[in-house]
Amino acid sequence: MRVFCDDAPPLAPEPAPRPLSRAWLRSLLWHRPRKDDGQHLAEDRKSRSAAVQQAVQPGPYWAIDAGPIRLIGLDTGLLGTIDAEQGAWLREVSKDPRPKILITGQPLYVDGEHHPCAIEGGGTVDEIVRDPAHRYVAAIGGDIHNYQRYPVQVDGRTIQYVVSGGGGAFMHATHTIPRVDVADVTEKEFRCYPLRGDSLAFYSRLYGRRLRMRRFFTLTEAEAAAVIAERLDIRPGRAPASDARVTWRMRLVAGLLGTGRRPDRAKRFRLPVRKIYTQLFSPSSETYSPPFFKSFLRLDVTPETVRLRCYAATGNRAQEADPPVEDEVLISLA
């Protein structure tokens, strides 16, 4: 709120809540501002003191007109929904005739599932995105720390639904994504980074180290790619080595780490890789040995096209100046 809305929280202490009440329990868990909060921000703003260098947005959702396109950012909160006021605002700013790109806190398509984002009072964000009169060409969501892209056909045009949270600290697994078949998007059209095999190999090494069972858990990249291809019945993104024979151990490790063709199979008997793992172990499981499997998104816009590229941030010195492109798509604005 201080950075984006210029609204600092009060520093004066609030009245103490009644012991054992809900307000008392909340006060134990809630973050309190420190006296020096905002000091660095105030110092930084002195370097941008001219009026033309400053802007204050009135709320946590916004619209930016950037040449031939309009960027619209939503605050989907923790539950992946928006209130009625934000919904009314979204419908209004979507009437602009320019092509648009939506940016949301939580993605509308992720892990092979559709999350249309409900609006209080009725309707969904995705209904607004799909309306041809609003001219959305892409919807980009964060929250999940990897890259995914779903090119969805809507009334004869393509909307690129993208997940791009890969620049965060730890990496969310991609090998737990089941065989994709959603909104007529199949494995043939779906893209993700890191590749599922690399993700499985990464987590196999991680659990092998944590459980002190390296010989049992650890899979090579070639072994992981081969077992992913077998379990999901897909073509691997990278050709496995000729000697990568799938064994019972590889199948067992892949199953324990959440690889399954259908979502229900991936959830039956697996070690915590996604939500529980993220909350408990991820901050201490950050690796400092490349490759990092992080990524960043770049959009280049002309009056005719948007060029969307996912770059890998591997940590390898040779790729610092020229990072590899993991996915690329050209979006027409015509």
C-alpha atoms as a PDB file:
ATOM      1  CA  MET A   1       0.000   0.000   0.000  1.00  0.00           C
ATOM      2  CA  ARG A   2       2.873   2.370   0.720  1.00  0.00           C
ATOM      3  CA  VAL A   3       4.738   1.684  -2.521  1.00  0.00           C
ATOM      4  CA  PHE A   4       1.821   1.533  -4.937  1.00  0.00           C
ATOM      5  CA  CYS A   5      -0.920   3.602  -3.301  1.00  0.00           C
ATOM      6  CA  ASP A   6       1.088   6.050  -1.143  1.00  0.00           C
ATOM      7  CA  ASP A   7      -0.945   4.975   1.870  1.00  0.00           C
ATOM      8  CA  ALA A   8       1.224   4.157   4.869  1.00  0.00           C
ATOM      9  CA  PRO A   9      -0.239   2.011   7.665  1.00  0.00           C
ATOM     10  CA  PRO A  10      -0.674   3.760  11.021  1.00  0.00           C
ATOM     11  CA  LEU A  11       2.281   3.471  13.361  1.00  0.00           C
ATOM     12  CA  ALA A  12       0.252   4.266  16.490  1.00  0.00           C
ATOM     13  CA  PRO A  13      -0.530   1.109  18.492  1.00  0.00           C
ATOM     14  CA  GLU A  14      -4.097  -0.109  18.291  1.00  0.00           C
ATOM     15  CA  PRO A  15      -6.112  -0.938  21.432  1.00  0.00           C
ATOM     16  CA  ALA A  16      -5.293  -4.382  22.771  1.00  0.00           C
ATOM     17  CA  PRO A  17      -7.982  -6.914  21.786  1.00  0.00           C
ATOM     18  CA  ARG A  18      -9.802  -9.054  24.318  1.00  0.00           C
ATOM     19  CA  PRO A  19      -7.740 -12.180  25.153  1.00  0.00           C
ATOM     20  CA  LEU A  20      -8.687 -15.410  23.357  1.00  0.00           C
ATOM     21  CA  SER A  21     -10.936 -13.532  20.908  1.00  0.00           C
ATOM     22  CA  ARG A  22     -10.641 -13.802  17.138  1.00  0.00           C
ATOM     23  CA  ALA A  23      -9.120 -10.316  17.022  1.00  0.00           C
ATOM     24  CA  TRP A  24      -6.557 -11.387  19.634  1.00  0.00           C
ATOM     25  CA  LEU A  25      -5.573 -14.466  17.627  1.00  0.00           C
ATOM     26  CA  ARG A  26      -5.326 -12.372  14.449  1.00  0.00           C
ATOM     27  CA  SER A  27      -3.100  -9.861  16.234  1.00  0.00           C
ATOM     28  CA  LEU A  28      -0.641 -12.642  17.052  1.00  0.00           C
ATOM     29  CA  LEU A  29      -0.294 -13.623  13.404  1.00  0.00           C
ATOM     30  CA  TRP A  30      -0.496 -10.244  11.666  1.00  0.00           C
ATOM     31  CA  HIS A  31       2.599  -8.367  10.582  1.00  0.00           C
ATOM     32  CA  ARG A  32       3.169  -5.088  12.395  1.00  0.00           C
ATOM     33  CA  PRO A  33       4.894  -2.117  10.756  1.00  0.00           C
ATOM     34  CA  ARG A  34       8.286  -1.170  12.104  1.00  0.00           C
ATOM     35  CA  LYS A  35       9.234   2.376  12.957  1.00  0.00           C
ATOM     36  CA  ASP A  36      11.763   2.514  10.123  1.00  0.00           C
ATOM     37  CA  ASP A  37       9.312   1.134   7.543  1.00  0.00           C
ATOM     38  CA  GLY A  38       9.334   3.343   4.475  1.00  0.00           C
ATOM     39  CA  GLN A  39      12.704   4.952   5.206  1.00  0.00           C
ATOM     40  CA  HIS A  40      14.409   3.467   2.145  1.00  0.00           C
ATOM     41  CA  LEU A  41      11.399   4.269  -0.022  1.00  0.00           C
ATOM     42  CA  ALA A  42      11.518   7.917   1.069  1.00  0.00           C
ATOM     43  CA  GLU A  43      15.233   8.068   0.283  1.00  0.00           C
ATOM     44  CA  ASP A  44      14.709   6.515  -3.148  1.00  0.00           C
ATOM     45  CA  ARG A  45      11.938   8.958  -3.993  1.00  0.00           C
ATOM     46  CA  LYS A  46      14.362  11.838  -3.533  1.00  0.00           C
ATOM     47  CA  SER A  47      16.152  10.533  -6.633  1.00  0.00           C
ATOM     48  CA  ARG A  48      12.881  10.838  -8.581  1.00  0.00           C
ATOM     49  CA  SER A  49      11.652  14.121  -7.141  1.00  0.00           C
ATOM     50  CA  ALA A  50      10.398  15.737 -10.366  1.00  0.00           C
ATOM     51  CA  ALA A  51       6.633  15.758 -10.793  1.00  0.00           C
ATOM     52  CA  VAL A  52       6.831  13.971 -14.140  1.00  0.00           C
ATOM     53  CA  GLN A  53       8.749  11.129 -12.445  1.00  0.00           C
ATOM     54  CA  GLN A  54       6.076  10.407  -9.866  1.00  0.00           C
ATOM     55  CA  ALA A  55       2.660   8.812 -10.013  1.00  0.00           C
ATOM     56  CA  VAL A  56       0.281   7.545  -7.380  1.00  0.00           C
ATOM     57  CA  GLN A  57      -2.225   4.851  -8.273  1.00  0.00           C
ATOM     58  CA  PRO A  58      -5.487   4.990  -6.305  1.00  0.00           C
ATOM     59  CA  GLY A  59      -5.782   1.243  -5.730  1.00  0.00           C
ATOM     60  CA  PRO A  60      -4.126  -2.150  -6.205  1.00  0.00           C
ATOM     61  CA  TYR A  61      -5.593  -2.553  -9.714  1.00  0.00           C
ATOM     62  CA  TRP A  62      -4.692  -0.372 -12.657  1.00  0.00           C
ATOM     63  CA  ALA A  63      -4.657   0.270 -16.405  1.00  0.00           C
ATOM     64  CA  ILE A  64      -1.702   1.556 -18.420  1.00  0.00           C
ATOM     65  CA  ASP A  65      -1.980   2.736 -22.008  1.00  0.00           C
ATOM     66  CA  ALA A  66       1.259   1.661 -23.684  1.00  0.00           C
ATOM     67  CA  GLY A  67       1.171   2.797 -27.287  1.00  0.00           C
ATOM     68  CA  PRO A  68      -0.947   0.427 -29.369  1.00  0.00           C
ATOM     69  CA  ILE A  69      -2.068  -1.728 -26.417  1.00  0.00           C
ATOM     70  CA  ARG A  70      -3.663  -1.321 -23.002  1.00  0.00           C
ATOM     71  CA  LEU A  71      -2.256  -3.252 -20.021  1.00  0.00           C
ATOM     72  CA  ILE A  72      -4.761  -4.019 -17.280  1.00  0.00           C
ATOM     73  CA  GLY A  73      -3.693  -5.294 -13.869  1.00  0.00           C
ATOM     74  CA  LEU A  74      -6.069  -6.956 -11.398  1.00  0.00           C
ATOM     75  CA  ASP A  75      -5.835  -7.631  -7.690  1.00  0.00           C
ATOM     76  CA  THR A  76      -7.192 -11.170  -7.362  1.00  0.00           C
ATOM     77  CA  GLY A  77      -6.192 -11.437  -3.700  1.00  0.00           C
ATOM     78  CA  LEU A  78      -5.539 -14.757  -2.011  1.00  0.00           C
ATOM     79  CA  LEU A  79      -8.748 -16.441  -3.163  1.00  0.00           C
ATOM     80  CA  GLY A  80      -8.496 -15.742  -6.905  1.00  0.00           C
ATOM     81  CA  THR A  81     -11.628 -13.579  -7.011  1.00  0.00           C
ATOM     82  CA  ILE A  82     -12.438  -9.868  -7.322  1.00  0.00           C
ATOM     83  CA  ASP A  83     -15.127  -7.770  -5.664  1.00  0.00           C
ATOM     84  CA  ALA A  84     -18.032  -6.066  -7.412  1.00  0.00           C
ATOM     85  CA  GLU A  85     -16.350  -2.651  -7.503  1.00  0.00           C
ATOM     86  CA  GLN A  86     -13.247  -3.999  -9.228  1.00  0.00           C
ATOM     87  CA  GLY A  87     -15.440  -6.010 -11.589  1.00  0.00           C
ATOM     88  CA  ALA A  88     -17.359  -2.887 -12.624  1.00  0.00           C
ATOM     89  CA  TRP A  89     -14.070  -1.058 -13.165  1.00  0.00           C
ATOM     90  CA  LEU A  90     -12.728  -3.934 -15.280  1.00  0.00           C
ATOM     91  CA  ARG A  91     -15.797  -3.913 -17.517  1.00  0.00           C
ATOM     92  CA  GLU A  92     -15.447  -0.164 -18.004  1.00  0.00           C
ATOM     93  CA  VAL A  93     -11.715  -0.079 -18.864  1.00  0.00           C
ATOM     94  CA  SER A  94     -12.181  -3.090 -21.166  1.00  0.00           C
ATOM     95  CA  LYS A  95     -14.392  -1.023 -23.486  1.00  0.00           C
ATOM     96  CA  ASP A  96     -11.368   0.837 -24.877  1.00  0.00           C
ATOM     97  CA  PRO A  97     -10.928  -0.083 -28.569  1.00  0.00           C
ATOM     98  CA  ARG A  98      -7.240  -0.964 -28.255  1.00  0.00           C
ATOM     99  CA  PRO A  99      -6.028  -4.582 -27.992  1.00  0.00           C
ATOM    100  CA  LYS A 100      -5.442  -5.526 -24.358  1.00  0.00           C
ATOM    101  CA  ILE A 101      -3.275  -7.724 -22.180  1.00  0.00           C
ATOM    102  CA  LEU A 102      -4.603  -8.713 -18.765  1.00  0.00           C
ATOM    103  CA  ILE A 103      -2.207  -9.213 -15.847  1.00  0.00           C
ATOM    104  CA  THR A 104      -3.595 -11.065 -12.841  1.00  0.00           C
ATOM    105  CA  GLY A 105      -2.230 -12.152  -9.485  1.00  0.00           C
ATOM    106  CA  GLN A 106      -3.455 -15.697 -10.108  1.00  0.00           C
ATOM    107  CA  PRO A 107      -3.583 -17.246 -13.598  1.00  0.00           C
ATOM    108  CA  LEU A 108      -6.819 -18.116 -15.393  1.00  0.00           C
ATOM    109  CA  TYR A 109      -5.358 -21.346 -16.833  1.00  0.00           C
ATOM    110  CA  VAL A 110      -2.775 -23.249 -14.812  1.00  0.00           C
ATOM    111  CA  ASP A 111      -1.700 -26.878 -14.333  1.00  0.00           C
ATOM    112  CA  GLY A 112      -4.177 -28.048 -16.963  1.00  0.00           C
ATOM    113  CA  GLU A 113      -7.139 -26.452 -15.180  1.00  0.00           C
ATOM    114  CA  HIS A 114      -9.381 -23.451 -15.843  1.00  0.00           C
ATOM    115  CA  HIS A 115      -9.871 -20.867 -13.079  1.00  0.00           C
ATOM    116  CA  PRO A 116     -12.121 -18.178 -14.578  1.00  0.00           C
ATOM    117  CA  CYS A 117     -11.923 -15.873 -11.509  1.00  0.00           C
ATOM    118  CA  ALA A 118     -15.384 -15.145 -10.135  1.00  0.00           C
ATOM    119  CA  ILE A 119     -16.649 -11.589  -9.779  1.00  0.00           C
ATOM    120  CA  GLU A 120     -18.754 -10.747  -6.734  1.00  0.00           C
ATOM    121  CA  GLY A 121     -22.338 -10.333  -7.827  1.00  0.00           C
ATOM    122  CA  GLY A 122     -22.021 -12.489 -10.948  1.00  0.00           C
ATOM    123  CA  GLY A 123     -19.875 -13.185 -13.956  1.00  0.00           C
ATOM    124  CA  THR A 124     -16.168 -13.986 -14.255  1.00  0.00           C
ATOM    125  CA  VAL A 125     -13.024 -12.231 -15.361  1.00  0.00           C
ATOM    126  CA  ASP A 126     -12.549 -14.752 -18.157  1.00  0.00           C
ATOM    127  CA  GLU A 127     -15.968 -13.915 -19.598  1.00  0.00           C
ATOM    128  CA  ILE A 128     -14.760 -10.330 -19.965  1.00  0.00           C
ATOM    129  CA  VAL A 129     -11.490 -11.516 -21.515  1.00  0.00           C
ATOM    130  CA  ARG A 130     -13.305 -13.747 -24.028  1.00  0.00           C
ATOM    131  CA  ASP A 131     -15.757 -11.044 -25.154  1.00  0.00           C
ATOM    132  CA  PRO A 132     -14.620 -10.190 -28.712  1.00  0.00           C
ATOM    133  CA  ALA A 133     -15.646  -6.552 -28.226  1.00  0.00           C
ATOM    134  CA  HIS A 134     -12.935  -6.162 -25.558  1.00  0.00           C
ATOM    135  CA  ARG A 135     -10.091  -7.360 -27.832  1.00  0.00           C
ATOM    136  CA  TYR A 136      -7.950  -9.203 -25.277  1.00  0.00           C
ATOM    137  CA  VAL A 137      -5.017 -10.980 -26.896  1.00  0.00           C
ATOM    138  CA  ALA A 138      -3.356 -12.405 -23.756  1.00  0.00           C
ATOM    139  CA  ALA A 139      -3.896 -12.954 -20.030  1.00  0.00           C
ATOM    140  CA  ILE A 140      -0.765 -13.327 -17.897  1.00  0.00           C
ATOM    141  CA  GLY A 141      -0.889 -14.589 -14.312  1.00  0.00           C
ATOM    142  CA  GLY A 142       1.754 -15.031 -11.635  1.00  0.00           C
ATOM    143  CA  ASP A 143       1.575 -16.809  -8.263  1.00  0.00           C
ATOM    144  CA  ILE A 144       2.932 -20.120  -9.631  1.00  0.00           C
ATOM    145  CA  HIS A 145       6.728 -20.089  -9.956  1.00  0.00           C
ATOM    146  CA  ASN A 146       7.125 -21.575 -13.413  1.00  0.00           C
ATOM    147  CA  TYR A 147       6.118 -20.824 -17.010  1.00  0.00           C
ATOM    148  CA  GLN A 148       3.082 -22.246 -18.810  1.00  0.00           C
ATOM    149  CA  ARG A 149       1.254 -21.199 -21.974  1.00  0.00           C
ATOM    150  CA  TYR A 150      -2.196 -22.219 -23.206  1.00  0.00           C
ATOM    151  CA  PRO A 151      -3.214 -20.900 -26.669  1.00  0.00           C
ATOM    152  CA  VAL A 152      -7.013 -21.034 -26.368  1.00  0.00           C
ATOM    153  CA  GLN A 153      -9.234 -20.657 -29.432  1.00  0.00           C
ATOM    154  CA  VAL A 154     -12.161 -18.302 -28.759  1.00  0.00           C
ATOM    155  CA  ASP A 155     -14.618 -17.540 -31.583  1.00  0.00           C
ATOM    156  CA  GLY A 156     -12.009 -17.980 -34.320  1.00  0.00           C
ATOM    157  CA  ARG A 157      -9.213 -16.055 -32.569  1.00  0.00           C
ATOM    158  CA  THR A 158      -6.443 -17.117 -30.213  1.00  0.00           C
ATOM    159  CA  ILE A 159      -5.993 -15.797 -26.679  1.00  0.00           C
ATOM    160  CA  GLN A 160      -2.662 -16.653 -25.077  1.00  0.00           C
ATOM    161  CA  TYR A 161      -3.139 -17.616 -21.434  1.00  0.00           C
ATOM    162  CA  VAL A 162       0.255 -17.476 -19.744  1.00  0.00           C
ATOM    163  CA  VAL A 163       1.624 -18.384 -16.320  1.00  0.00           C
ATOM    164  CA  SER A 164       4.783 -16.434 -15.553  1.00  0.00           C
ATOM    165  CA  GLY A 165       5.948 -16.481 -11.954  1.00  0.00           C
ATOM    166  CA  GLY A 166       9.279 -18.140 -12.624  1.00  0.00           C
ATOM    167  CA  GLY A 167      11.435 -15.282 -11.394  1.00  0.00           C
ATOM    168  CA  GLY A 168      10.592 -16.032  -7.759  1.00  0.00           C
ATOM    169  CA  ALA A 169      12.778 -17.727  -5.177  1.00  0.00           C
ATOM    170  CA  PHE A 170      11.946 -21.434  -5.424  1.00  0.00           C
ATOM    171  CA  MET A 171      10.597 -23.390  -8.388  1.00  0.00           C
ATOM    172  CA  HIS A 172       7.109 -24.888  -8.484  1.00  0.00           C
ATOM    173  CA  ALA A 173       7.186 -28.332 -10.096  1.00  0.00           C
ATOM    174  CA  THR A 174       5.979 -28.841 -13.652  1.00  0.00           C
ATOM    175  CA  HIS A 175       6.200 -32.644 -13.605  1.00  0.00           C
ATOM    176  CA  THR A 176       3.021 -32.700 -11.474  1.00  0.00           C
ATOM    177  CA  ILE A 177       1.039 -31.119 -14.345  1.00  0.00           C
ATOM    178  CA  PRO A 178      -1.090 -33.951 -15.751  1.00  0.00           C
ATOM    179  CA  ARG A 179      -1.490 -34.607 -19.453  1.00  0.00           C
ATOM    180  CA  VAL A 180      -3.028 -31.364 -20.718  1.00  0.00           C
ATOM    181  CA  ASP A 181      -6.461 -31.450 -22.297  1.00  0.00           C
ATOM    182  CA  VAL A 182      -8.379 -28.269 -21.452  1.00  0.00           C
ATOM    183  CA  ALA A 183     -10.299 -25.798 -23.653  1.00  0.00           C
ATOM    184  CA  ASP A 184      -9.173 -27.776 -26.729  1.00  0.00           C
ATOM    185  CA  VAL A 185      -5.533 -27.192 -25.760  1.00  0.00           C
ATOM    186  CA  THR A 186      -3.606 -30.466 -25.802  1.00  0.00           C
ATOM    187  CA  GLU A 187      -0.017 -31.452 -25.180  1.00  0.00           C
ATOM    188  CA  LYS A 188       0.720 -30.529 -28.788  1.00  0.00           C
ATOM    189  CA  GLU A 189      -0.041 -26.849 -28.135  1.00  0.00           C
ATOM    190  CA  PHE A 190       0.866 -26.607 -24.435  1.00  0.00           C
ATOM    191  CA  ARG A 191       4.253 -25.229 -23.394  1.00  0.00           C
ATOM    192  CA  CYS A 192       5.984 -25.103 -20.023  1.00  0.00           C
ATOM    193  CA  TYR A 193       9.360 -24.310 -18.477  1.00  0.00           C
ATOM    194  CA  PRO A 194      11.149 -26.045 -16.931  1.00  0.00           C
ATOM    195  CA  LEU A 195      10.405 -29.150 -18.964  1.00  0.00           C
ATOM    196  CA  ARG A 196       8.667 -31.829 -16.922  1.00  0.00           C
ATOM    197  CA  GLY A 197      11.700 -34.123 -17.083  1.00  0.00           C
ATOM    198  CA  ASP A 198      14.031 -31.433 -15.744  1.00  0.00           C
ATOM    199  CA  SER A 199      11.537 -30.670 -12.989  1.00  0.00           C
ATOM    200  CA  LEU A 200      11.321 -34.330 -11.956  1.00  0.00           C
ATOM    201  CA  ALA A 201      15.115 -34.684 -11.985  1.00  0.00           C
ATOM    202  CA  PHE A 202      15.451 -31.540  -9.838  1.00  0.00           C
ATOM    203  CA  TYR A 203      12.991 -32.741  -7.198  1.00  0.00           C
ATOM    204  CA  SER A 204      14.421 -36.260  -7.192  1.00  0.00           C
ATOM    205  CA  ARG A 205      17.822 -34.837  -6.279  1.00  0.00           C
ATOM    206  CA  LEU A 206      16.220 -32.587  -3.670  1.00  0.00           C
ATOM    207  CA  TYR A 207      14.384 -35.427  -1.933  1.00  0.00           C
ATOM    208  CA  GLY A 208      17.358 -37.725  -2.256  1.00  0.00           C
ATOM    209  CA  ARG A 209      19.425 -35.169  -0.372  1.00  0.00           C
ATOM    210  CA  ARG A 210      16.760 -34.387   2.243  1.00  0.00           C
ATOM    211  CA  LEU A 211      15.899 -38.021   2.985  1.00  0.00           C
ATOM    212  CA  ARG A 212      19.530 -39.186   2.709  1.00  0.00           C
ATOM    213  CA  MET A 213      18.494 -41.650  -0.012  1.00  0.00           C
ATOM    214  CA  ARG A 214      20.376 -40.259  -2.994  1.00  0.00           C
ATOM    215  CA  ARG A 215      20.939 -43.614  -4.718  1.00  0.00           C
ATOM    216  CA  PHE A 216      17.260 -44.461  -4.627  1.00  0.00           C
ATOM    217  CA  PHE A 217      15.648 -41.097  -5.437  1.00  0.00           C
ATOM    218  CA  THR A 218      18.066 -39.375  -7.796  1.00  0.00           C
ATOM    219  CA  LEU A 219      17.143 -39.512 -11.491  1.00  0.00           C
ATOM    220  CA  THR A 220      19.245 -38.181 -14.321  1.00  0.00           C
ATOM    221  CA  GLU A 221      17.677 -35.771 -16.785  1.00  0.00           C
ATOM    222  CA  ALA A 222      17.523 -38.564 -19.382  1.00  0.00           C
ATOM    223  CA  GLU A 223      15.879 -41.002 -16.950  1.00  0.00           C
ATOM    224  CA  ALA A 224      13.354 -38.392 -15.809  1.00  0.00           C
ATOM    225  CA  ALA A 225      12.461 -37.480 -19.399  1.00  0.00           C
ATOM    226  CA  ALA A 226      11.950 -41.143 -20.270  1.00  0.00           C
ATOM    227  CA  VAL A 227       9.671 -41.929 -17.309  1.00  0.00           C
ATOM    228  CA  ILE A 228       7.664 -38.728 -17.860  1.00  0.00           C
ATOM    229  CA  ALA A 229       7.102 -39.700 -21.497  1.00  0.00           C
ATOM    230  CA  GLU A 230       5.901 -43.152 -20.437  1.00  0.00           C
ATOM    231  CA  ARG A 231       3.632 -42.105 -17.561  1.00  0.00           C
ATOM    232  CA  LEU A 232       1.979 -39.197 -19.397  1.00  0.00           C
ATOM    233  CA  ASP A 233       2.105 -40.839 -22.831  1.00  0.00           C
ATOM    234  CA  ILE A 234       3.631 -37.733 -24.385  1.00  0.00           C
ATOM    235  CA  ARG A 235       6.629 -36.951 -26.527  1.00  0.00           C
ATOM    236  CA  PRO A 236       9.455 -35.665 -24.333  1.00  0.00           C
ATOM    237  CA  GLY A 237      10.510 -32.088 -24.900  1.00  0.00           C
ATOM    238  CA  ARG A 238      14.079 -33.304 -25.180  1.00  0.00           C
ATOM    239  CA  ALA A 239      14.971 -36.671 -26.667  1.00  0.00           C
ATOM    240  CA  PRO A 240      16.060 -39.061 -23.888  1.00  0.00           C
ATOM    241  CA  ALA A 241      19.349 -40.890 -24.148  1.00  0.00           C
ATOM    242  CA  SER A 242      19.248 -44.233 -25.925  1.00  0.00           C
ATOM    243  CA  ASP A 243      20.245 -46.057 -22.732  1.00  0.00           C
ATOM    244  CA  ALA A 244      17.505 -44.411 -20.583  1.00  0.00           C
ATOM    245  CA  ARG A 245      15.544 -47.603 -19.931  1.00  0.00           C
ATOM    246  CA  VAL A 246      12.527 -47.092 -17.656  1.00  0.00           C
ATOM    247  CA  THR A 247      12.808 -49.269 -14.541  1.00  0.00           C
ATOM    248  CA  TRP A 248      10.487 -49.979 -11.608  1.00  0.00           C
ATOM    249  CA  ARG A 249      12.590 -47.644  -9.433  1.00  0.00           C
ATOM    250  CA  MET A 250      12.131 -44.758 -11.870  1.00  0.00           C
ATOM    251  CA  ARG A 251       8.386 -45.377 -12.007  1.00  0.00           C
ATOM    252  CA  LEU A 252       8.172 -45.534  -8.220  1.00  0.00           C
ATOM    253  CA  VAL A 253      10.143 -42.308  -7.740  1.00  0.00           C
ATOM    254  CA  ALA A 254       8.066 -40.518 -10.373  1.00  0.00           C
ATOM    255  CA  GLY A 255       4.864 -41.668  -8.657  1.00  0.00           C
ATOM    256  CA  LEU A 256       6.067 -40.640  -5.210  1.00  0.00           C
ATOM    257  CA  LEU A 257       6.937 -37.185  -6.549  1.00  0.00           C
ATOM    258  CA  GLY A 258       3.501 -36.647  -8.059  1.00  0.00           C
ATOM    259  CA  THR A 259       3.769 -37.590 -11.721  1.00  0.00           C
ATOM    260  CA  GLY A 260       0.467 -38.962 -13.009  1.00  0.00           C
ATOM    261  CA  ARG A 261      -1.437 -38.942 -16.262  1.00  0.00           C
ATOM    262  CA  ARG A 262      -4.636 -37.846 -14.520  1.00  0.00           C
ATOM    263  CA  PRO A 263      -4.876 -35.415 -11.579  1.00  0.00           C
ATOM    264  CA  ASP A 264      -6.389 -38.085  -9.298  1.00  0.00           C
ATOM    265  CA  ARG A 265      -3.508 -40.478  -9.961  1.00  0.00           C
ATOM    266  CA  ALA A 266      -0.966 -37.755  -9.219  1.00  0.00           C
ATOM    267  CA  LYS A 267      -2.521 -37.184  -5.769  1.00  0.00           C
ATOM    268  CA  ARG A 268      -2.851 -40.725  -4.435  1.00  0.00           C
ATOM    269  CA  PHE A 269       0.474 -41.581  -2.829  1.00  0.00           C
ATOM    270  CA  ARG A 270       3.000 -38.831  -3.194  1.00  0.00           C
ATOM    271  CA  LEU A 271       5.487 -36.855  -1.195  1.00  0.00           C
ATOM    272  CA  PRO A 272       4.658 -33.175  -0.663  1.00  0.00           C
ATOM    273  CA  VAL A 273       5.862 -31.362  -3.777  1.00  0.00           C
ATOM    274  CA  ARG A 274       3.356 -28.565  -4.310  1.00  0.00           C
ATOM    275  CA  LYS A 275       1.467 -26.671  -1.602  1.00  0.00           C
ATOM    276  CA  ILE A 276       2.675 -28.327   1.601  1.00  0.00           C
ATOM    277  CA  TYR A 277       6.217 -28.566   0.321  1.00  0.00           C
ATOM    278  CA  THR A 278       6.131 -24.934  -0.763  1.00  0.00           C
ATOM    279  CA  GLN A 279       5.007 -23.696   2.637  1.00  0.00           C
ATOM    280  CA  LEU A 280       7.356 -25.797   4.756  1.00  0.00           C
ATOM    281  CA  PHE A 281      10.544 -26.432   2.796  1.00  0.00           C
ATOM    282  CA  SER A 282      10.845 -24.185  -0.238  1.00  0.00           C
ATOM    283  CA  PRO A 283      12.669 -21.208   1.328  1.00  0.00           C
ATOM    284  CA  SER A 284      15.398 -23.501   2.672  1.00  0.00           C
ATOM    285  CA  SER A 285      15.539 -25.598  -0.504  1.00  0.00           C
ATOM    286  CA  GLU A 286      16.795 -22.854  -2.770  1.00  0.00           C
ATOM    287  CA  THR A 287      19.768 -24.125  -4.709  1.00  0.00           C
ATOM    288  CA  TYR A 288      22.810 -22.057  -5.563  1.00  0.00           C
ATOM    289  CA  SER A 289      24.130 -24.441  -8.183  1.00  0.00           C
ATOM    290  CA  PRO A 290      23.042 -23.761 -11.784  1.00  0.00           C
ATOM    291  CA  PRO A 291      20.825 -24.462 -13.591  1.00  0.00           C
ATOM    292  CA  PHE A 292      18.220 -22.565 -11.599  1.00  0.00           C
ATOM    293  CA  PHE A 293      15.197 -23.173 -13.886  1.00  0.00           C
ATOM    294  CA  LYS A 294      13.977 -19.628 -13.319  1.00  0.00           C
ATOM    295  CA  SER A 295      12.558 -17.537 -16.136  1.00  0.00           C
ATOM    296  CA  PHE A 296      11.435 -14.079 -17.117  1.00  0.00           C
ATOM    297  CA  LEU A 297       8.959 -12.819 -19.661  1.00  0.00           C
ATOM    298  CA  ARG A 298       9.628 -10.199 -22.334  1.00  0.00           C
ATOM    299  CA  LEU A 299       7.001  -8.519 -24.510  1.00  0.00           C
ATOM    300  CA  ASP A 300       7.975  -6.434 -27.556  1.00  0.00           C
ATOM    301  CA  VAL A 301       5.090  -4.452 -29.014  1.00  0.00           C
ATOM    302  CA  THR A 302       4.632  -2.878 -32.431  1.00  0.00           C
ATOM    303  CA  PRO A 303       1.413  -1.454 -33.900  1.00  0.00           C
ATOM    304  CA  GLU A 304       0.899  -4.819 -35.642  1.00  0.00           C
ATOM    305  CA  THR A 305       2.168  -7.494 -33.230  1.00  0.00           C
ATOM    306  CA  VAL A 306       3.148  -8.487 -29.711  1.00  0.00           C
ATOM    307  CA  ARG A 307       6.192 -10.728 -29.502  1.00  0.00           C
ATOM    308  CA  LEU A 308       6.056 -12.765 -26.290  1.00  0.00           C
ATOM    309  CA  ARG A 309       9.175 -14.632 -25.202  1.00  0.00           C
ATOM    310  CA  CYS A 310      10.041 -16.715 -22.154  1.00  0.00           C
ATOM    311  CA  TYR A 311      13.748 -16.549 -21.333  1.00  0.00           C
ATOM    312  CA  ALA A 312      15.532 -18.990 -19.051  1.00  0.00           C
ATOM    313  CA  ALA A 313      17.526 -17.552 -16.166  1.00  0.00           C
ATOM    314  CA  THR A 314      19.885 -20.444 -15.564  1.00  0.00           C
ATOM    315  CA  GLY A 315      22.682 -18.799 -13.603  1.00  0.00           C
ATOM    316  CA  ASN A 316      25.270 -20.077 -16.071  1.00  0.00           C
ATOM    317  CA  ARG A 317      27.825 -17.387 -16.838  1.00  0.00           C
ATOM    318  CA  ALA A 318      27.825 -18.119 -20.573  1.00  0.00           C
ATOM    319  CA  GLN A 319      24.102 -17.368 -20.727  1.00  0.00           C
ATOM    320  CA  GLU A 320      24.077 -14.122 -18.736  1.00  0.00           C
ATOM    321  CA  ALA A 321      24.492 -11.875 -21.768  1.00  0.00           C
ATOM    322  CA  ASP A 322      22.470 -14.081 -24.124  1.00  0.00           C
ATOM    323  CA  PRO A 323      19.842 -16.017 -22.137  1.00  0.00           C
ATOM    324  CA  PRO A 324      18.192 -18.895 -24.021  1.00  0.00           C
ATOM    325  CA  VAL A 325      14.646 -18.476 -25.324  1.00  0.00           C
ATOM    326  CA  GLU A 326      12.486 -21.336 -24.018  1.00  0.00           C
ATOM    327  CA  ASP A 327       9.239 -20.313 -25.730  1.00  0.00           C
ATOM    328  CA  GLU A 328       8.171 -17.673 -28.234  1.00  0.00           C
ATOM    329  CA  VAL A 329       4.915 -16.675 -29.862  1.00  0.00           C
ATOM    330  CA  LEU A 330       3.920 -13.806 -32.156  1.00  0.00           C
ATOM    331  CA  ILE A 331       0.487 -12.319 -31.414  1.00  0.00           C
ATOM    332  CA  SER A 332      -1.266 -10.356 -34.128  1.00  0.00           C
ATOM    333  CA  LEU A 333      -2.989  -7.107 -33.140  1.00  0.00           C
ATOM    334  CA  ALA A 334      -4.930  -6.879 -36.385  1.00  0.00           C
END
